[in-house]
Amino acid sequence: MRKLLFFSILSFLVIGFFPQKVTSHEEAFQVIPDEAIRLRILANSDEEHDQALKHKVRDAVNEEVTEWVEDMDDIDEARQLISDRIDDIDHIVAQVVAEDGIDYTVEYREDVQFPTKLYDQYVYPAGEYEAILITLGEAEGSNWWCVVFPPLCFLDFSFGTTVQEEEEEDVEVNEEEQEEEEVEYTFFFLKWFS
């Protein structure tokens, strides 16, 4: 009996002082609200030059539009502002693509088609969404998109994985590392006493 009690206590102490891995599942980003305005930019092609041009357009447009809606909390006010300033966005894009002489279009519509996107463990379903759509050239390259209202463009949703369907176009696949989970080690025995 003493041996059984001794081994039980010894086992308890060994297990109690053995570090245990506990993962943190804190959300690193916000989910897109139902009422949102997106920005989608379709590159001419997947050639390096066309993708670089897409990123230049993205930076210029995003910087301006983010300032416009930064302090807004009303979707109707944001819609009106973007609608009124669509020519300003067109002018920004024109300045960026001037050297390349590439054709482009800038539209603000409620029916911009988006593919299904998997970002981390979140799935953003395919569908038609309200968005500013910038089409560069033939629009056969990978796209970039974010949410301009509420301002979530600091989250690059394009680095998610596109869920392929027969009728959907190919878009960027995440080639960067996903954020690593925070790992915390705890000791059962110490936790049990506290």
N, C-alpha and C. Protein backbone atom coordinates (compact mmCIF):
# COMPACT_ATOMS: atom_id res chain seq x y z
N MET A 1 0.82 -1.19 0.00
CA MET A 1 0.00 0.00 0.00
C MET A 1 0.86 1.26 0.00
N ARG A 2 1.94 1.22 0.81
CA ARG A 2 2.83 2.37 0.87
C ARG A 2 3.50 2.60 -0.47
N LYS A 3 3.86 1.50 -1.14
CA LYS A 3 4.50 1.64 -2.45
C LYS A 3 3.54 2.29 -3.45
N LEU A 4 2.29 1.91 -3.40
CA LEU A 4 1.28 2.47 -4.30
C LEU A 4 1.10 3.96 -4.02
N LEU A 5 1.02 4.32 -2.76
CA LEU A 5 0.88 5.72 -2.37
C LEU A 5 2.12 6.51 -2.78
N PHE A 6 3.30 5.94 -2.56
CA PHE A 6 4.55 6.59 -2.92
C PHE A 6 4.62 6.84 -4.43
N PHE A 7 4.29 5.82 -5.23
CA PHE A 7 4.32 5.97 -6.70
C PHE A 7 3.25 6.95 -7.19
N SER A 8 2.12 6.99 -6.54
CA SER A 8 1.06 7.95 -6.92
C SER A 8 1.53 9.38 -6.69
N ILE A 9 2.12 9.61 -5.52
CA ILE A 9 2.61 10.96 -5.20
C ILE A 9 3.77 11.32 -6.12
N LEU A 10 4.67 10.39 -6.36
CA LEU A 10 5.79 10.63 -7.26
C LEU A 10 5.30 10.93 -8.68
N SER A 11 4.32 10.18 -9.16
CA SER A 11 3.76 10.42 -10.50
C SER A 11 3.10 11.80 -10.57
N PHE A 12 2.37 12.14 -9.52
CA PHE A 12 1.71 13.43 -9.47
C PHE A 12 2.73 14.56 -9.53
N LEU A 13 3.83 14.43 -8.78
CA LEU A 13 4.87 15.46 -8.78
C LEU A 13 5.56 15.56 -10.14
N VAL A 14 5.86 14.44 -10.76
CA VAL A 14 6.53 14.45 -12.06
C VAL A 14 5.63 15.10 -13.11
N ILE A 15 4.36 14.70 -13.12
CA ILE A 15 3.42 15.27 -14.10
C ILE A 15 3.19 16.75 -13.79
N GLY A 16 3.11 17.09 -12.53
CA GLY A 16 2.85 18.48 -12.14
C GLY A 16 3.96 19.44 -12.51
N PHE A 17 5.20 18.97 -12.49
CA PHE A 17 6.32 19.84 -12.83
C PHE A 17 6.74 19.73 -14.28
N PHE A 18 6.08 18.90 -15.05
CA PHE A 18 6.38 18.76 -16.47
C PHE A 18 5.69 19.89 -17.22
N PRO A 19 6.45 20.69 -18.01
CA PRO A 19 5.82 21.82 -18.71
C PRO A 19 4.78 21.35 -19.74
N GLN A 20 3.67 22.06 -19.78
CA GLN A 20 2.61 21.74 -20.71
C GLN A 20 2.42 22.91 -21.66
N LYS A 21 2.24 22.59 -22.93
CA LYS A 21 2.09 23.62 -23.96
C LYS A 21 0.63 24.04 -24.02
N VAL A 22 0.43 25.35 -23.92
CA VAL A 22 -0.91 25.92 -24.02
C VAL A 22 -0.87 26.94 -25.16
N THR A 23 -1.75 26.78 -26.13
CA THR A 23 -1.74 27.72 -27.26
C THR A 23 -2.78 28.79 -27.06
N SER A 24 -2.46 29.97 -27.58
CA SER A 24 -3.38 31.09 -27.50
C SER A 24 -4.13 31.21 -28.80
N HIS A 25 -5.43 31.32 -28.74
CA HIS A 25 -6.26 31.42 -29.94
C HIS A 25 -6.88 32.81 -30.06
N GLU A 26 -6.11 33.82 -29.67
CA GLU A 26 -6.62 35.18 -29.79
C GLU A 26 -6.72 35.54 -31.26
N GLU A 27 -7.79 36.20 -31.64
CA GLU A 27 -7.96 36.61 -33.02
C GLU A 27 -7.01 37.75 -33.32
N ALA A 28 -6.27 37.62 -34.42
CA ALA A 28 -5.29 38.62 -34.79
C ALA A 28 -5.89 39.69 -35.70
N PHE A 29 -7.10 39.51 -36.15
CA PHE A 29 -7.70 40.50 -37.01
C PHE A 29 -9.21 40.45 -36.90
N GLN A 30 -9.85 41.46 -37.43
CA GLN A 30 -11.29 41.57 -37.35
C GLN A 30 -11.94 40.91 -38.55
N VAL A 31 -13.16 40.46 -38.36
CA VAL A 31 -13.93 39.89 -39.44
C VAL A 31 -14.63 41.03 -40.18
N ILE A 32 -14.80 40.88 -41.49
CA ILE A 32 -15.43 41.93 -42.29
C ILE A 32 -16.88 42.09 -41.88
N PRO A 33 -17.30 43.31 -41.57
CA PRO A 33 -18.70 43.53 -41.21
C PRO A 33 -19.62 43.37 -42.43
N ASP A 34 -20.92 43.19 -42.17
CA ASP A 34 -21.88 43.02 -43.26
C ASP A 34 -21.92 44.26 -44.15
N GLU A 35 -21.93 45.43 -43.56
CA GLU A 35 -21.95 46.66 -44.33
C GLU A 35 -20.53 47.20 -44.44
N ALA A 36 -19.91 46.91 -45.58
CA ALA A 36 -18.52 47.32 -45.80
C ALA A 36 -18.34 47.72 -47.25
N ILE A 37 -17.34 48.54 -47.49
CA ILE A 37 -16.97 48.93 -48.85
C ILE A 37 -15.55 48.43 -49.07
N ARG A 38 -15.38 47.65 -50.12
CA ARG A 38 -14.08 47.07 -50.42
C ARG A 38 -13.38 47.83 -51.54
N LEU A 39 -12.10 47.54 -51.69
CA LEU A 39 -11.30 48.05 -52.79
C LEU A 39 -10.67 46.83 -53.44
N ARG A 40 -10.90 46.66 -54.76
CA ARG A 40 -10.31 45.53 -55.47
C ARG A 40 -9.56 46.05 -56.68
N ILE A 41 -8.31 45.61 -56.81
CA ILE A 41 -7.47 46.02 -57.94
C ILE A 41 -7.06 44.78 -58.70
N LEU A 42 -7.40 44.75 -60.00
CA LEU A 42 -7.04 43.63 -60.87
C LEU A 42 -5.84 44.04 -61.71
N ALA A 43 -4.76 43.29 -61.61
CA ALA A 43 -3.54 43.60 -62.37
C ALA A 43 -3.69 43.17 -63.82
N ASN A 44 -2.92 43.80 -64.68
CA ASN A 44 -2.93 43.46 -66.10
C ASN A 44 -2.54 42.00 -66.32
N SER A 45 -1.47 41.56 -65.66
CA SER A 45 -1.01 40.18 -65.77
C SER A 45 -0.23 39.83 -64.51
N ASP A 46 0.34 38.64 -64.47
CA ASP A 46 1.16 38.24 -63.34
C ASP A 46 2.65 38.52 -63.56
N GLU A 47 2.95 39.22 -64.65
CA GLU A 47 4.34 39.63 -64.89
C GLU A 47 4.78 40.54 -63.75
N GLU A 48 6.06 40.50 -63.45
CA GLU A 48 6.60 41.28 -62.32
C GLU A 48 6.28 42.77 -62.45
N HIS A 49 6.44 43.31 -63.65
CA HIS A 49 6.18 44.73 -63.88
C HIS A 49 4.71 45.08 -63.61
N ASP A 50 3.79 44.25 -64.09
CA ASP A 50 2.36 44.52 -63.90
C ASP A 50 1.95 44.39 -62.44
N GLN A 51 2.55 43.45 -61.72
CA GLN A 51 2.25 43.31 -60.29
C GLN A 51 2.82 44.50 -59.51
N ALA A 52 3.99 44.98 -59.91
CA ALA A 52 4.56 46.16 -59.25
C ALA A 52 3.67 47.38 -59.48
N LEU A 53 3.15 47.51 -60.70
CA LEU A 53 2.24 48.62 -61.00
C LEU A 53 0.97 48.53 -60.16
N LYS A 54 0.44 47.33 -60.01
CA LYS A 54 -0.74 47.12 -59.17
C LYS A 54 -0.47 47.60 -57.74
N HIS A 55 0.72 47.30 -57.22
CA HIS A 55 1.06 47.71 -55.86
C HIS A 55 1.23 49.23 -55.74
N LYS A 56 1.74 49.86 -56.80
CA LYS A 56 1.85 51.33 -56.78
C LYS A 56 0.46 51.97 -56.75
N VAL A 57 -0.43 51.43 -57.58
CA VAL A 57 -1.82 51.93 -57.59
C VAL A 57 -2.45 51.72 -56.22
N ARG A 58 -2.26 50.53 -55.67
CA ARG A 58 -2.80 50.21 -54.35
C ARG A 58 -2.35 51.21 -53.31
N ASP A 59 -1.05 51.48 -53.26
CA ASP A 59 -0.50 52.38 -52.24
C ASP A 59 -1.06 53.80 -52.39
N ALA A 60 -1.12 54.29 -53.62
CA ALA A 60 -1.59 55.65 -53.85
C ALA A 60 -3.08 55.80 -53.52
N VAL A 61 -3.89 54.86 -54.00
CA VAL A 61 -5.34 54.94 -53.77
C VAL A 61 -5.66 54.69 -52.31
N ASN A 62 -5.06 53.69 -51.72
CA ASN A 62 -5.35 53.34 -50.33
C ASN A 62 -4.99 54.47 -49.38
N GLU A 63 -3.86 55.13 -49.63
CA GLU A 63 -3.44 56.24 -48.77
C GLU A 63 -4.49 57.36 -48.77
N GLU A 64 -5.00 57.68 -49.95
CA GLU A 64 -5.97 58.77 -50.08
C GLU A 64 -7.33 58.38 -49.49
N VAL A 65 -7.86 57.23 -49.89
CA VAL A 65 -9.20 56.82 -49.46
C VAL A 65 -9.25 56.58 -47.95
N THR A 66 -8.19 56.04 -47.40
CA THR A 66 -8.14 55.79 -45.95
C THR A 66 -8.28 57.09 -45.17
N GLU A 67 -7.64 58.15 -45.66
CA GLU A 67 -7.77 59.46 -45.00
C GLU A 67 -9.20 59.98 -45.07
N TRP A 68 -9.88 59.75 -46.19
CA TRP A 68 -11.25 60.23 -46.36
C TRP A 68 -12.20 59.60 -45.34
N VAL A 69 -12.07 58.30 -45.13
CA VAL A 69 -13.05 57.57 -44.30
C VAL A 69 -12.56 57.29 -42.89
N GLU A 70 -11.39 57.77 -42.57
CA GLU A 70 -10.74 57.48 -41.29
C GLU A 70 -11.64 57.72 -40.07
N ASP A 71 -12.33 58.84 -40.04
CA ASP A 71 -13.13 59.18 -38.86
C ASP A 71 -14.63 58.93 -39.05
N MET A 72 -14.99 58.25 -40.11
CA MET A 72 -16.41 57.99 -40.38
C MET A 72 -16.88 56.72 -39.70
N ASP A 73 -18.15 56.74 -39.29
CA ASP A 73 -18.74 55.52 -38.74
C ASP A 73 -20.11 55.23 -39.34
N ASP A 74 -20.46 55.99 -40.38
CA ASP A 74 -21.75 55.82 -41.03
C ASP A 74 -21.54 55.35 -42.47
N ILE A 75 -22.06 54.17 -42.81
CA ILE A 75 -21.86 53.59 -44.14
C ILE A 75 -22.45 54.48 -45.24
N ASP A 76 -23.60 55.09 -44.99
CA ASP A 76 -24.22 55.94 -46.00
C ASP A 76 -23.36 57.18 -46.30
N GLU A 77 -22.76 57.73 -45.26
CA GLU A 77 -21.87 58.87 -45.43
C GLU A 77 -20.63 58.46 -46.24
N ALA A 78 -20.10 57.28 -45.96
CA ALA A 78 -18.94 56.77 -46.69
C ALA A 78 -19.30 56.52 -48.16
N ARG A 79 -20.47 55.94 -48.40
CA ARG A 79 -20.93 55.69 -49.78
C ARG A 79 -21.00 57.00 -50.56
N GLN A 80 -21.61 58.00 -49.94
CA GLN A 80 -21.78 59.29 -50.60
C GLN A 80 -20.42 59.93 -50.91
N LEU A 81 -19.53 59.88 -49.93
CA LEU A 81 -18.20 60.46 -50.11
C LEU A 81 -17.44 59.79 -51.24
N ILE A 82 -17.42 58.46 -51.24
CA ILE A 82 -16.70 57.73 -52.28
C ILE A 82 -17.34 57.96 -53.64
N SER A 83 -18.64 57.95 -53.68
CA SER A 83 -19.36 58.22 -54.92
C SER A 83 -19.02 59.60 -55.48
N ASP A 84 -18.97 60.59 -54.60
CA ASP A 84 -18.65 61.96 -55.00
C ASP A 84 -17.20 62.11 -55.45
N ARG A 85 -16.32 61.26 -54.92
CA ARG A 85 -14.89 61.41 -55.19
C ARG A 85 -14.32 60.33 -56.10
N ILE A 86 -15.16 59.61 -56.81
CA ILE A 86 -14.68 58.55 -57.70
C ILE A 86 -13.77 59.14 -58.79
N ASP A 87 -14.05 60.39 -59.20
CA ASP A 87 -13.19 61.05 -60.19
C ASP A 87 -11.80 61.34 -59.61
N ASP A 88 -11.74 61.62 -58.31
CA ASP A 88 -10.44 61.83 -57.66
C ASP A 88 -9.62 60.53 -57.68
N ILE A 89 -10.28 59.41 -57.43
CA ILE A 89 -9.60 58.11 -57.47
C ILE A 89 -9.11 57.84 -58.89
N ASP A 90 -9.96 58.15 -59.88
CA ASP A 90 -9.58 57.98 -61.28
C ASP A 90 -8.33 58.81 -61.59
N HIS A 91 -8.28 60.04 -61.08
CA HIS A 91 -7.13 60.92 -61.30
C HIS A 91 -5.86 60.34 -60.66
N ILE A 92 -5.99 59.79 -59.48
CA ILE A 92 -4.84 59.17 -58.79
C ILE A 92 -4.29 58.02 -59.62
N VAL A 93 -5.19 57.15 -60.09
CA VAL A 93 -4.76 56.01 -60.89
C VAL A 93 -4.11 56.50 -62.18
N ALA A 94 -4.69 57.51 -62.81
CA ALA A 94 -4.13 58.07 -64.06
C ALA A 94 -2.70 58.54 -63.86
N GLN A 95 -2.44 59.20 -62.73
CA GLN A 95 -1.08 59.67 -62.45
C GLN A 95 -0.11 58.52 -62.28
N VAL A 96 -0.54 57.46 -61.60
CA VAL A 96 0.35 56.32 -61.34
C VAL A 96 0.66 55.55 -62.63
N VAL A 97 -0.32 55.35 -63.48
CA VAL A 97 -0.11 54.54 -64.69
C VAL A 97 0.33 55.36 -65.90
N ALA A 98 0.50 56.66 -65.74
CA ALA A 98 0.84 57.55 -66.87
C ALA A 98 2.08 57.09 -67.63
N GLU A 99 3.14 56.72 -66.91
CA GLU A 99 4.39 56.27 -67.54
C GLU A 99 4.18 55.03 -68.39
N ASP A 100 3.32 54.13 -67.93
CA ASP A 100 3.13 52.85 -68.60
C ASP A 100 2.18 52.93 -69.79
N GLY A 101 1.35 53.95 -69.82
CA GLY A 101 0.40 54.08 -70.91
C GLY A 101 -0.60 52.94 -70.97
N ILE A 102 -0.87 52.31 -69.84
CA ILE A 102 -1.80 51.18 -69.79
C ILE A 102 -3.23 51.69 -69.63
N ASP A 103 -4.18 51.01 -70.27
CA ASP A 103 -5.59 51.35 -70.09
C ASP A 103 -6.05 50.90 -68.71
N TYR A 104 -7.02 51.60 -68.18
CA TYR A 104 -7.55 51.23 -66.86
C TYR A 104 -8.98 51.74 -66.75
N THR A 105 -9.70 51.19 -65.78
CA THR A 105 -11.03 51.70 -65.45
C THR A 105 -11.15 51.78 -63.93
N VAL A 106 -11.92 52.73 -63.47
CA VAL A 106 -12.22 52.89 -62.05
C VAL A 106 -13.73 52.97 -61.93
N GLU A 107 -14.30 52.05 -61.14
CA GLU A 107 -15.75 52.02 -60.96
C GLU A 107 -16.08 51.85 -59.48
N TYR A 108 -17.24 52.35 -59.10
CA TYR A 108 -17.76 52.11 -57.76
C TYR A 108 -19.12 51.47 -57.95
N ARG A 109 -19.21 50.18 -57.59
CA ARG A 109 -20.43 49.42 -57.84
C ARG A 109 -20.78 48.56 -56.64
N GLU A 110 -22.02 48.09 -56.65
CA GLU A 110 -22.49 47.20 -55.58
C GLU A 110 -22.37 45.74 -55.98
N ASP A 111 -21.95 45.47 -57.21
CA ASP A 111 -21.96 44.09 -57.71
C ASP A 111 -20.59 43.63 -58.22
N VAL A 112 -19.52 43.99 -57.49
CA VAL A 112 -18.18 43.57 -57.88
C VAL A 112 -17.98 42.12 -57.42
N GLN A 113 -17.58 41.28 -58.36
CA GLN A 113 -17.44 39.85 -58.09
C GLN A 113 -16.14 39.56 -57.34
N PHE A 114 -16.23 38.80 -56.25
CA PHE A 114 -15.07 38.37 -55.46
C PHE A 114 -15.06 36.86 -55.38
N PRO A 115 -13.87 36.23 -55.48
CA PRO A 115 -13.79 34.78 -55.31
C PRO A 115 -13.81 34.42 -53.83
N THR A 116 -14.05 33.15 -53.54
CA THR A 116 -13.97 32.67 -52.16
C THR A 116 -12.52 32.79 -51.71
N LYS A 117 -12.32 33.26 -50.49
CA LYS A 117 -10.98 33.46 -49.98
C LYS A 117 -10.86 32.85 -48.59
N LEU A 118 -9.81 32.08 -48.37
CA LEU A 118 -9.52 31.50 -47.06
C LEU A 118 -8.36 32.29 -46.48
N TYR A 119 -8.59 32.93 -45.35
CA TYR A 119 -7.56 33.72 -44.69
C TYR A 119 -7.44 33.21 -43.27
N ASP A 120 -6.30 32.58 -42.97
CA ASP A 120 -6.11 31.94 -41.69
C ASP A 120 -7.21 30.90 -41.54
N GLN A 121 -8.05 30.98 -40.50
CA GLN A 121 -9.14 30.01 -40.39
C GLN A 121 -10.48 30.60 -40.82
N TYR A 122 -10.47 31.79 -41.39
CA TYR A 122 -11.70 32.46 -41.79
C TYR A 122 -11.93 32.29 -43.29
N VAL A 123 -13.17 31.99 -43.66
CA VAL A 123 -13.53 31.87 -45.06
C VAL A 123 -14.41 33.05 -45.42
N TYR A 124 -14.01 33.77 -46.46
CA TYR A 124 -14.82 34.86 -46.99
C TYR A 124 -15.46 34.34 -48.26
N PRO A 125 -16.79 34.17 -48.26
CA PRO A 125 -17.45 33.53 -49.39
C PRO A 125 -17.42 34.36 -50.66
N ALA A 126 -17.43 33.67 -51.78
CA ALA A 126 -17.51 34.34 -53.08
C ALA A 126 -18.85 35.05 -53.17
N GLY A 127 -18.88 36.07 -53.98
CA GLY A 127 -20.14 36.78 -54.17
C GLY A 127 -19.93 38.15 -54.72
N GLU A 128 -21.02 38.87 -54.82
CA GLU A 128 -20.97 40.24 -55.29
C GLU A 128 -21.00 41.17 -54.08
N TYR A 129 -20.05 42.09 -54.05
CA TYR A 129 -19.92 42.99 -52.92
C TYR A 129 -19.77 44.43 -53.41
N GLU A 130 -20.14 45.34 -52.54
CA GLU A 130 -19.97 46.77 -52.83
C GLU A 130 -18.48 47.09 -52.78
N ALA A 131 -17.98 47.69 -53.86
CA ALA A 131 -16.54 47.92 -53.92
C ALA A 131 -16.16 48.97 -54.96
N ILE A 132 -14.97 49.51 -54.73
CA ILE A 132 -14.30 50.31 -55.75
C ILE A 132 -13.49 49.29 -56.54
N LEU A 133 -13.73 49.20 -57.84
CA LEU A 133 -13.02 48.24 -58.69
C LEU A 133 -12.10 49.00 -59.64
N ILE A 134 -10.81 48.68 -59.54
CA ILE A 134 -9.82 49.27 -60.44
C ILE A 134 -9.28 48.14 -61.31
N THR A 135 -9.49 48.28 -62.62
CA THR A 135 -9.06 47.27 -63.58
C THR A 135 -7.91 47.85 -64.39
N LEU A 136 -6.77 47.16 -64.35
CA LEU A 136 -5.58 47.62 -65.08
C LEU A 136 -5.39 46.74 -66.31
N GLY A 137 -5.37 47.35 -67.48
CA GLY A 137 -5.13 46.62 -68.73
C GLY A 137 -6.13 45.51 -68.96
N GLU A 138 -5.61 44.30 -69.21
CA GLU A 138 -6.44 43.13 -69.51
C GLU A 138 -7.05 42.49 -68.26
N ALA A 139 -6.61 42.89 -67.10
CA ALA A 139 -7.12 42.38 -65.81
C ALA A 139 -7.02 40.86 -65.73
N GLU A 140 -5.91 40.31 -66.22
CA GLU A 140 -5.71 38.86 -66.20
C GLU A 140 -4.71 38.42 -65.12
N GLY A 141 -4.26 39.37 -64.31
CA GLY A 141 -3.28 39.05 -63.27
C GLY A 141 -3.95 38.88 -61.91
N SER A 142 -3.14 38.55 -60.93
CA SER A 142 -3.63 38.39 -59.56
C SER A 142 -4.19 39.69 -59.04
N ASN A 143 -5.19 39.57 -58.20
CA ASN A 143 -5.83 40.77 -57.66
C ASN A 143 -5.33 41.08 -56.26
N TRP A 144 -5.65 42.27 -55.80
CA TRP A 144 -5.40 42.69 -54.42
C TRP A 144 -6.68 43.31 -53.92
N TRP A 145 -7.05 43.03 -52.67
CA TRP A 145 -8.23 43.68 -52.13
C TRP A 145 -8.12 43.88 -50.64
N CYS A 146 -8.91 44.83 -50.17
CA CYS A 146 -9.01 45.11 -48.74
C CYS A 146 -10.35 45.78 -48.49
N VAL A 147 -10.61 46.12 -47.24
CA VAL A 147 -11.85 46.80 -46.87
C VAL A 147 -11.50 48.25 -46.55
N VAL A 148 -12.06 49.20 -47.34
CA VAL A 148 -11.76 50.62 -47.10
C VAL A 148 -12.71 51.24 -46.10
N PHE A 149 -13.92 50.68 -45.97
CA PHE A 149 -14.83 51.16 -44.93
C PHE A 149 -15.56 49.97 -44.32
N PRO A 150 -15.49 49.79 -43.01
CA PRO A 150 -14.62 50.52 -42.09
C PRO A 150 -13.16 50.25 -42.44
N PRO A 151 -12.26 51.18 -42.14
CA PRO A 151 -10.88 51.05 -42.60
C PRO A 151 -10.18 49.80 -42.06
N LEU A 152 -10.06 48.79 -42.91
CA LEU A 152 -9.35 47.56 -42.55
C LEU A 152 -8.26 47.25 -43.56
N CYS A 153 -7.79 48.25 -44.29
CA CYS A 153 -6.78 47.99 -45.32
C CYS A 153 -5.41 47.67 -44.75
N PHE A 154 -5.24 47.81 -43.43
CA PHE A 154 -3.99 47.35 -42.85
C PHE A 154 -3.94 45.83 -42.85
N LEU A 155 -5.09 45.19 -43.08
CA LEU A 155 -5.15 43.74 -43.21
C LEU A 155 -5.17 43.41 -44.69
N ASP A 156 -4.15 42.75 -45.17
CA ASP A 156 -4.09 42.41 -46.58
C ASP A 156 -4.75 41.06 -46.80
N PHE A 157 -6.03 41.09 -47.10
CA PHE A 157 -6.80 39.86 -47.30
C PHE A 157 -6.32 39.08 -48.52
N SER A 158 -5.58 39.73 -49.41
CA SER A 158 -5.11 39.06 -50.62
C SER A 158 -4.13 37.95 -50.31
N PHE A 159 -3.50 37.99 -49.14
CA PHE A 159 -2.56 36.94 -48.82
C PHE A 159 -3.24 35.68 -48.31
N GLY A 160 -4.55 35.67 -48.34
CA GLY A 160 -5.28 34.44 -48.05
C GLY A 160 -5.20 33.51 -49.24
N THR A 161 -5.70 32.32 -49.08
CA THR A 161 -5.70 31.35 -50.16
C THR A 161 -7.04 31.36 -50.85
N THR A 162 -7.00 31.51 -52.16
CA THR A 162 -8.24 31.48 -52.91
C THR A 162 -8.72 30.04 -53.01
N VAL A 163 -9.98 29.83 -52.73
CA VAL A 163 -10.56 28.51 -52.86
C VAL A 163 -10.97 28.36 -54.32
N GLN A 164 -10.33 27.45 -55.03
CA GLN A 164 -10.54 27.33 -56.47
C GLN A 164 -11.89 26.69 -56.78
N GLU A 165 -12.58 27.27 -57.74
CA GLU A 165 -13.78 26.69 -58.32
C GLU A 165 -13.59 26.78 -59.81
N GLU A 166 -14.26 25.96 -60.57
CA GLU A 166 -14.06 25.89 -62.01
C GLU A 166 -14.21 27.25 -62.68
N GLU A 167 -15.22 28.01 -62.30
CA GLU A 167 -15.48 29.27 -62.99
C GLU A 167 -14.68 30.43 -62.42
N GLU A 168 -13.95 30.23 -61.31
CA GLU A 168 -13.22 31.33 -60.70
C GLU A 168 -11.84 31.50 -61.32
N GLU A 169 -11.36 32.75 -61.32
CA GLU A 169 -10.03 33.07 -61.83
C GLU A 169 -8.98 32.71 -60.79
N ASP A 170 -7.72 32.57 -61.24
CA ASP A 170 -6.62 32.35 -60.31
C ASP A 170 -6.25 33.68 -59.68
N VAL A 171 -6.02 33.67 -58.37
CA VAL A 171 -5.56 34.86 -57.67
C VAL A 171 -4.43 34.48 -56.75
N GLU A 172 -3.85 35.48 -56.10
CA GLU A 172 -2.67 35.26 -55.27
C GLU A 172 -2.89 34.20 -54.20
N VAL A 173 -1.86 33.39 -53.98
CA VAL A 173 -1.87 32.38 -52.93
C VAL A 173 -0.87 32.83 -51.88
N ASN A 174 -1.21 32.60 -50.67
CA ASN A 174 -0.34 33.04 -49.58
C ASN A 174 1.00 32.34 -49.67
N GLU A 175 2.09 33.15 -49.85
CA GLU A 175 3.42 32.59 -49.88
C GLU A 175 4.22 33.03 -48.66
N GLU A 176 3.61 33.92 -47.89
CA GLU A 176 4.27 34.36 -46.67
C GLU A 176 3.83 33.45 -45.53
N GLU A 177 4.65 33.37 -44.50
CA GLU A 177 4.29 32.56 -43.34
C GLU A 177 3.08 33.12 -42.64
N GLN A 178 2.18 32.24 -42.20
CA GLN A 178 1.05 32.67 -41.38
C GLN A 178 1.62 33.07 -40.03
N GLU A 179 0.92 33.97 -39.36
CA GLU A 179 1.37 34.38 -38.04
C GLU A 179 1.43 33.16 -37.13
N GLU A 180 2.53 33.06 -36.40
CA GLU A 180 2.68 31.92 -35.51
C GLU A 180 1.82 32.12 -34.27
N GLU A 181 1.30 30.99 -33.76
CA GLU A 181 0.52 31.07 -32.52
C GLU A 181 1.45 31.37 -31.36
N GLU A 182 0.95 32.17 -30.44
CA GLU A 182 1.71 32.40 -29.23
C GLU A 182 1.65 31.13 -28.39
N VAL A 183 2.80 30.72 -27.85
CA VAL A 183 2.86 29.51 -27.05
C VAL A 183 3.23 29.90 -25.63
N GLU A 184 2.51 29.33 -24.71
CA GLU A 184 2.75 29.59 -23.30
C GLU A 184 2.94 28.25 -22.61
N TYR A 185 3.96 28.15 -21.76
CA TYR A 185 4.19 26.92 -21.02
C TYR A 185 3.75 27.12 -19.58
N THR A 186 2.99 26.16 -19.10
CA THR A 186 2.53 26.23 -17.71
C THR A 186 2.92 24.93 -17.00
N PHE A 187 2.94 24.99 -15.70
CA PHE A 187 3.25 23.81 -14.90
C PHE A 187 1.99 23.44 -14.14
N PHE A 188 1.51 22.23 -14.38
CA PHE A 188 0.27 21.77 -13.79
C PHE A 188 0.30 21.87 -12.26
N PHE A 189 1.39 21.41 -11.67
CA PHE A 189 1.48 21.37 -10.21
C PHE A 189 1.39 22.78 -9.62
N LEU A 190 2.09 23.74 -10.25
CA LEU A 190 2.06 25.10 -9.75
C LEU A 190 0.68 25.73 -9.99
N LYS A 191 0.08 25.41 -11.12
CA LYS A 191 -1.24 25.94 -11.44
C LYS A 191 -2.28 25.37 -10.47
N TRP A 192 -2.13 24.10 -10.11
CA TRP A 192 -3.06 23.44 -9.23
C TRP A 192 -3.05 24.07 -7.85
N PHE A 193 -1.86 24.46 -7.36
CA PHE A 193 -1.78 25.08 -6.04
C PHE A 193 -2.26 26.52 -6.05
N SER A 194 -2.23 27.18 -7.18
CA SER A 194 -2.68 28.59 -7.23
C SER A 194 -4.11 28.62 -7.63
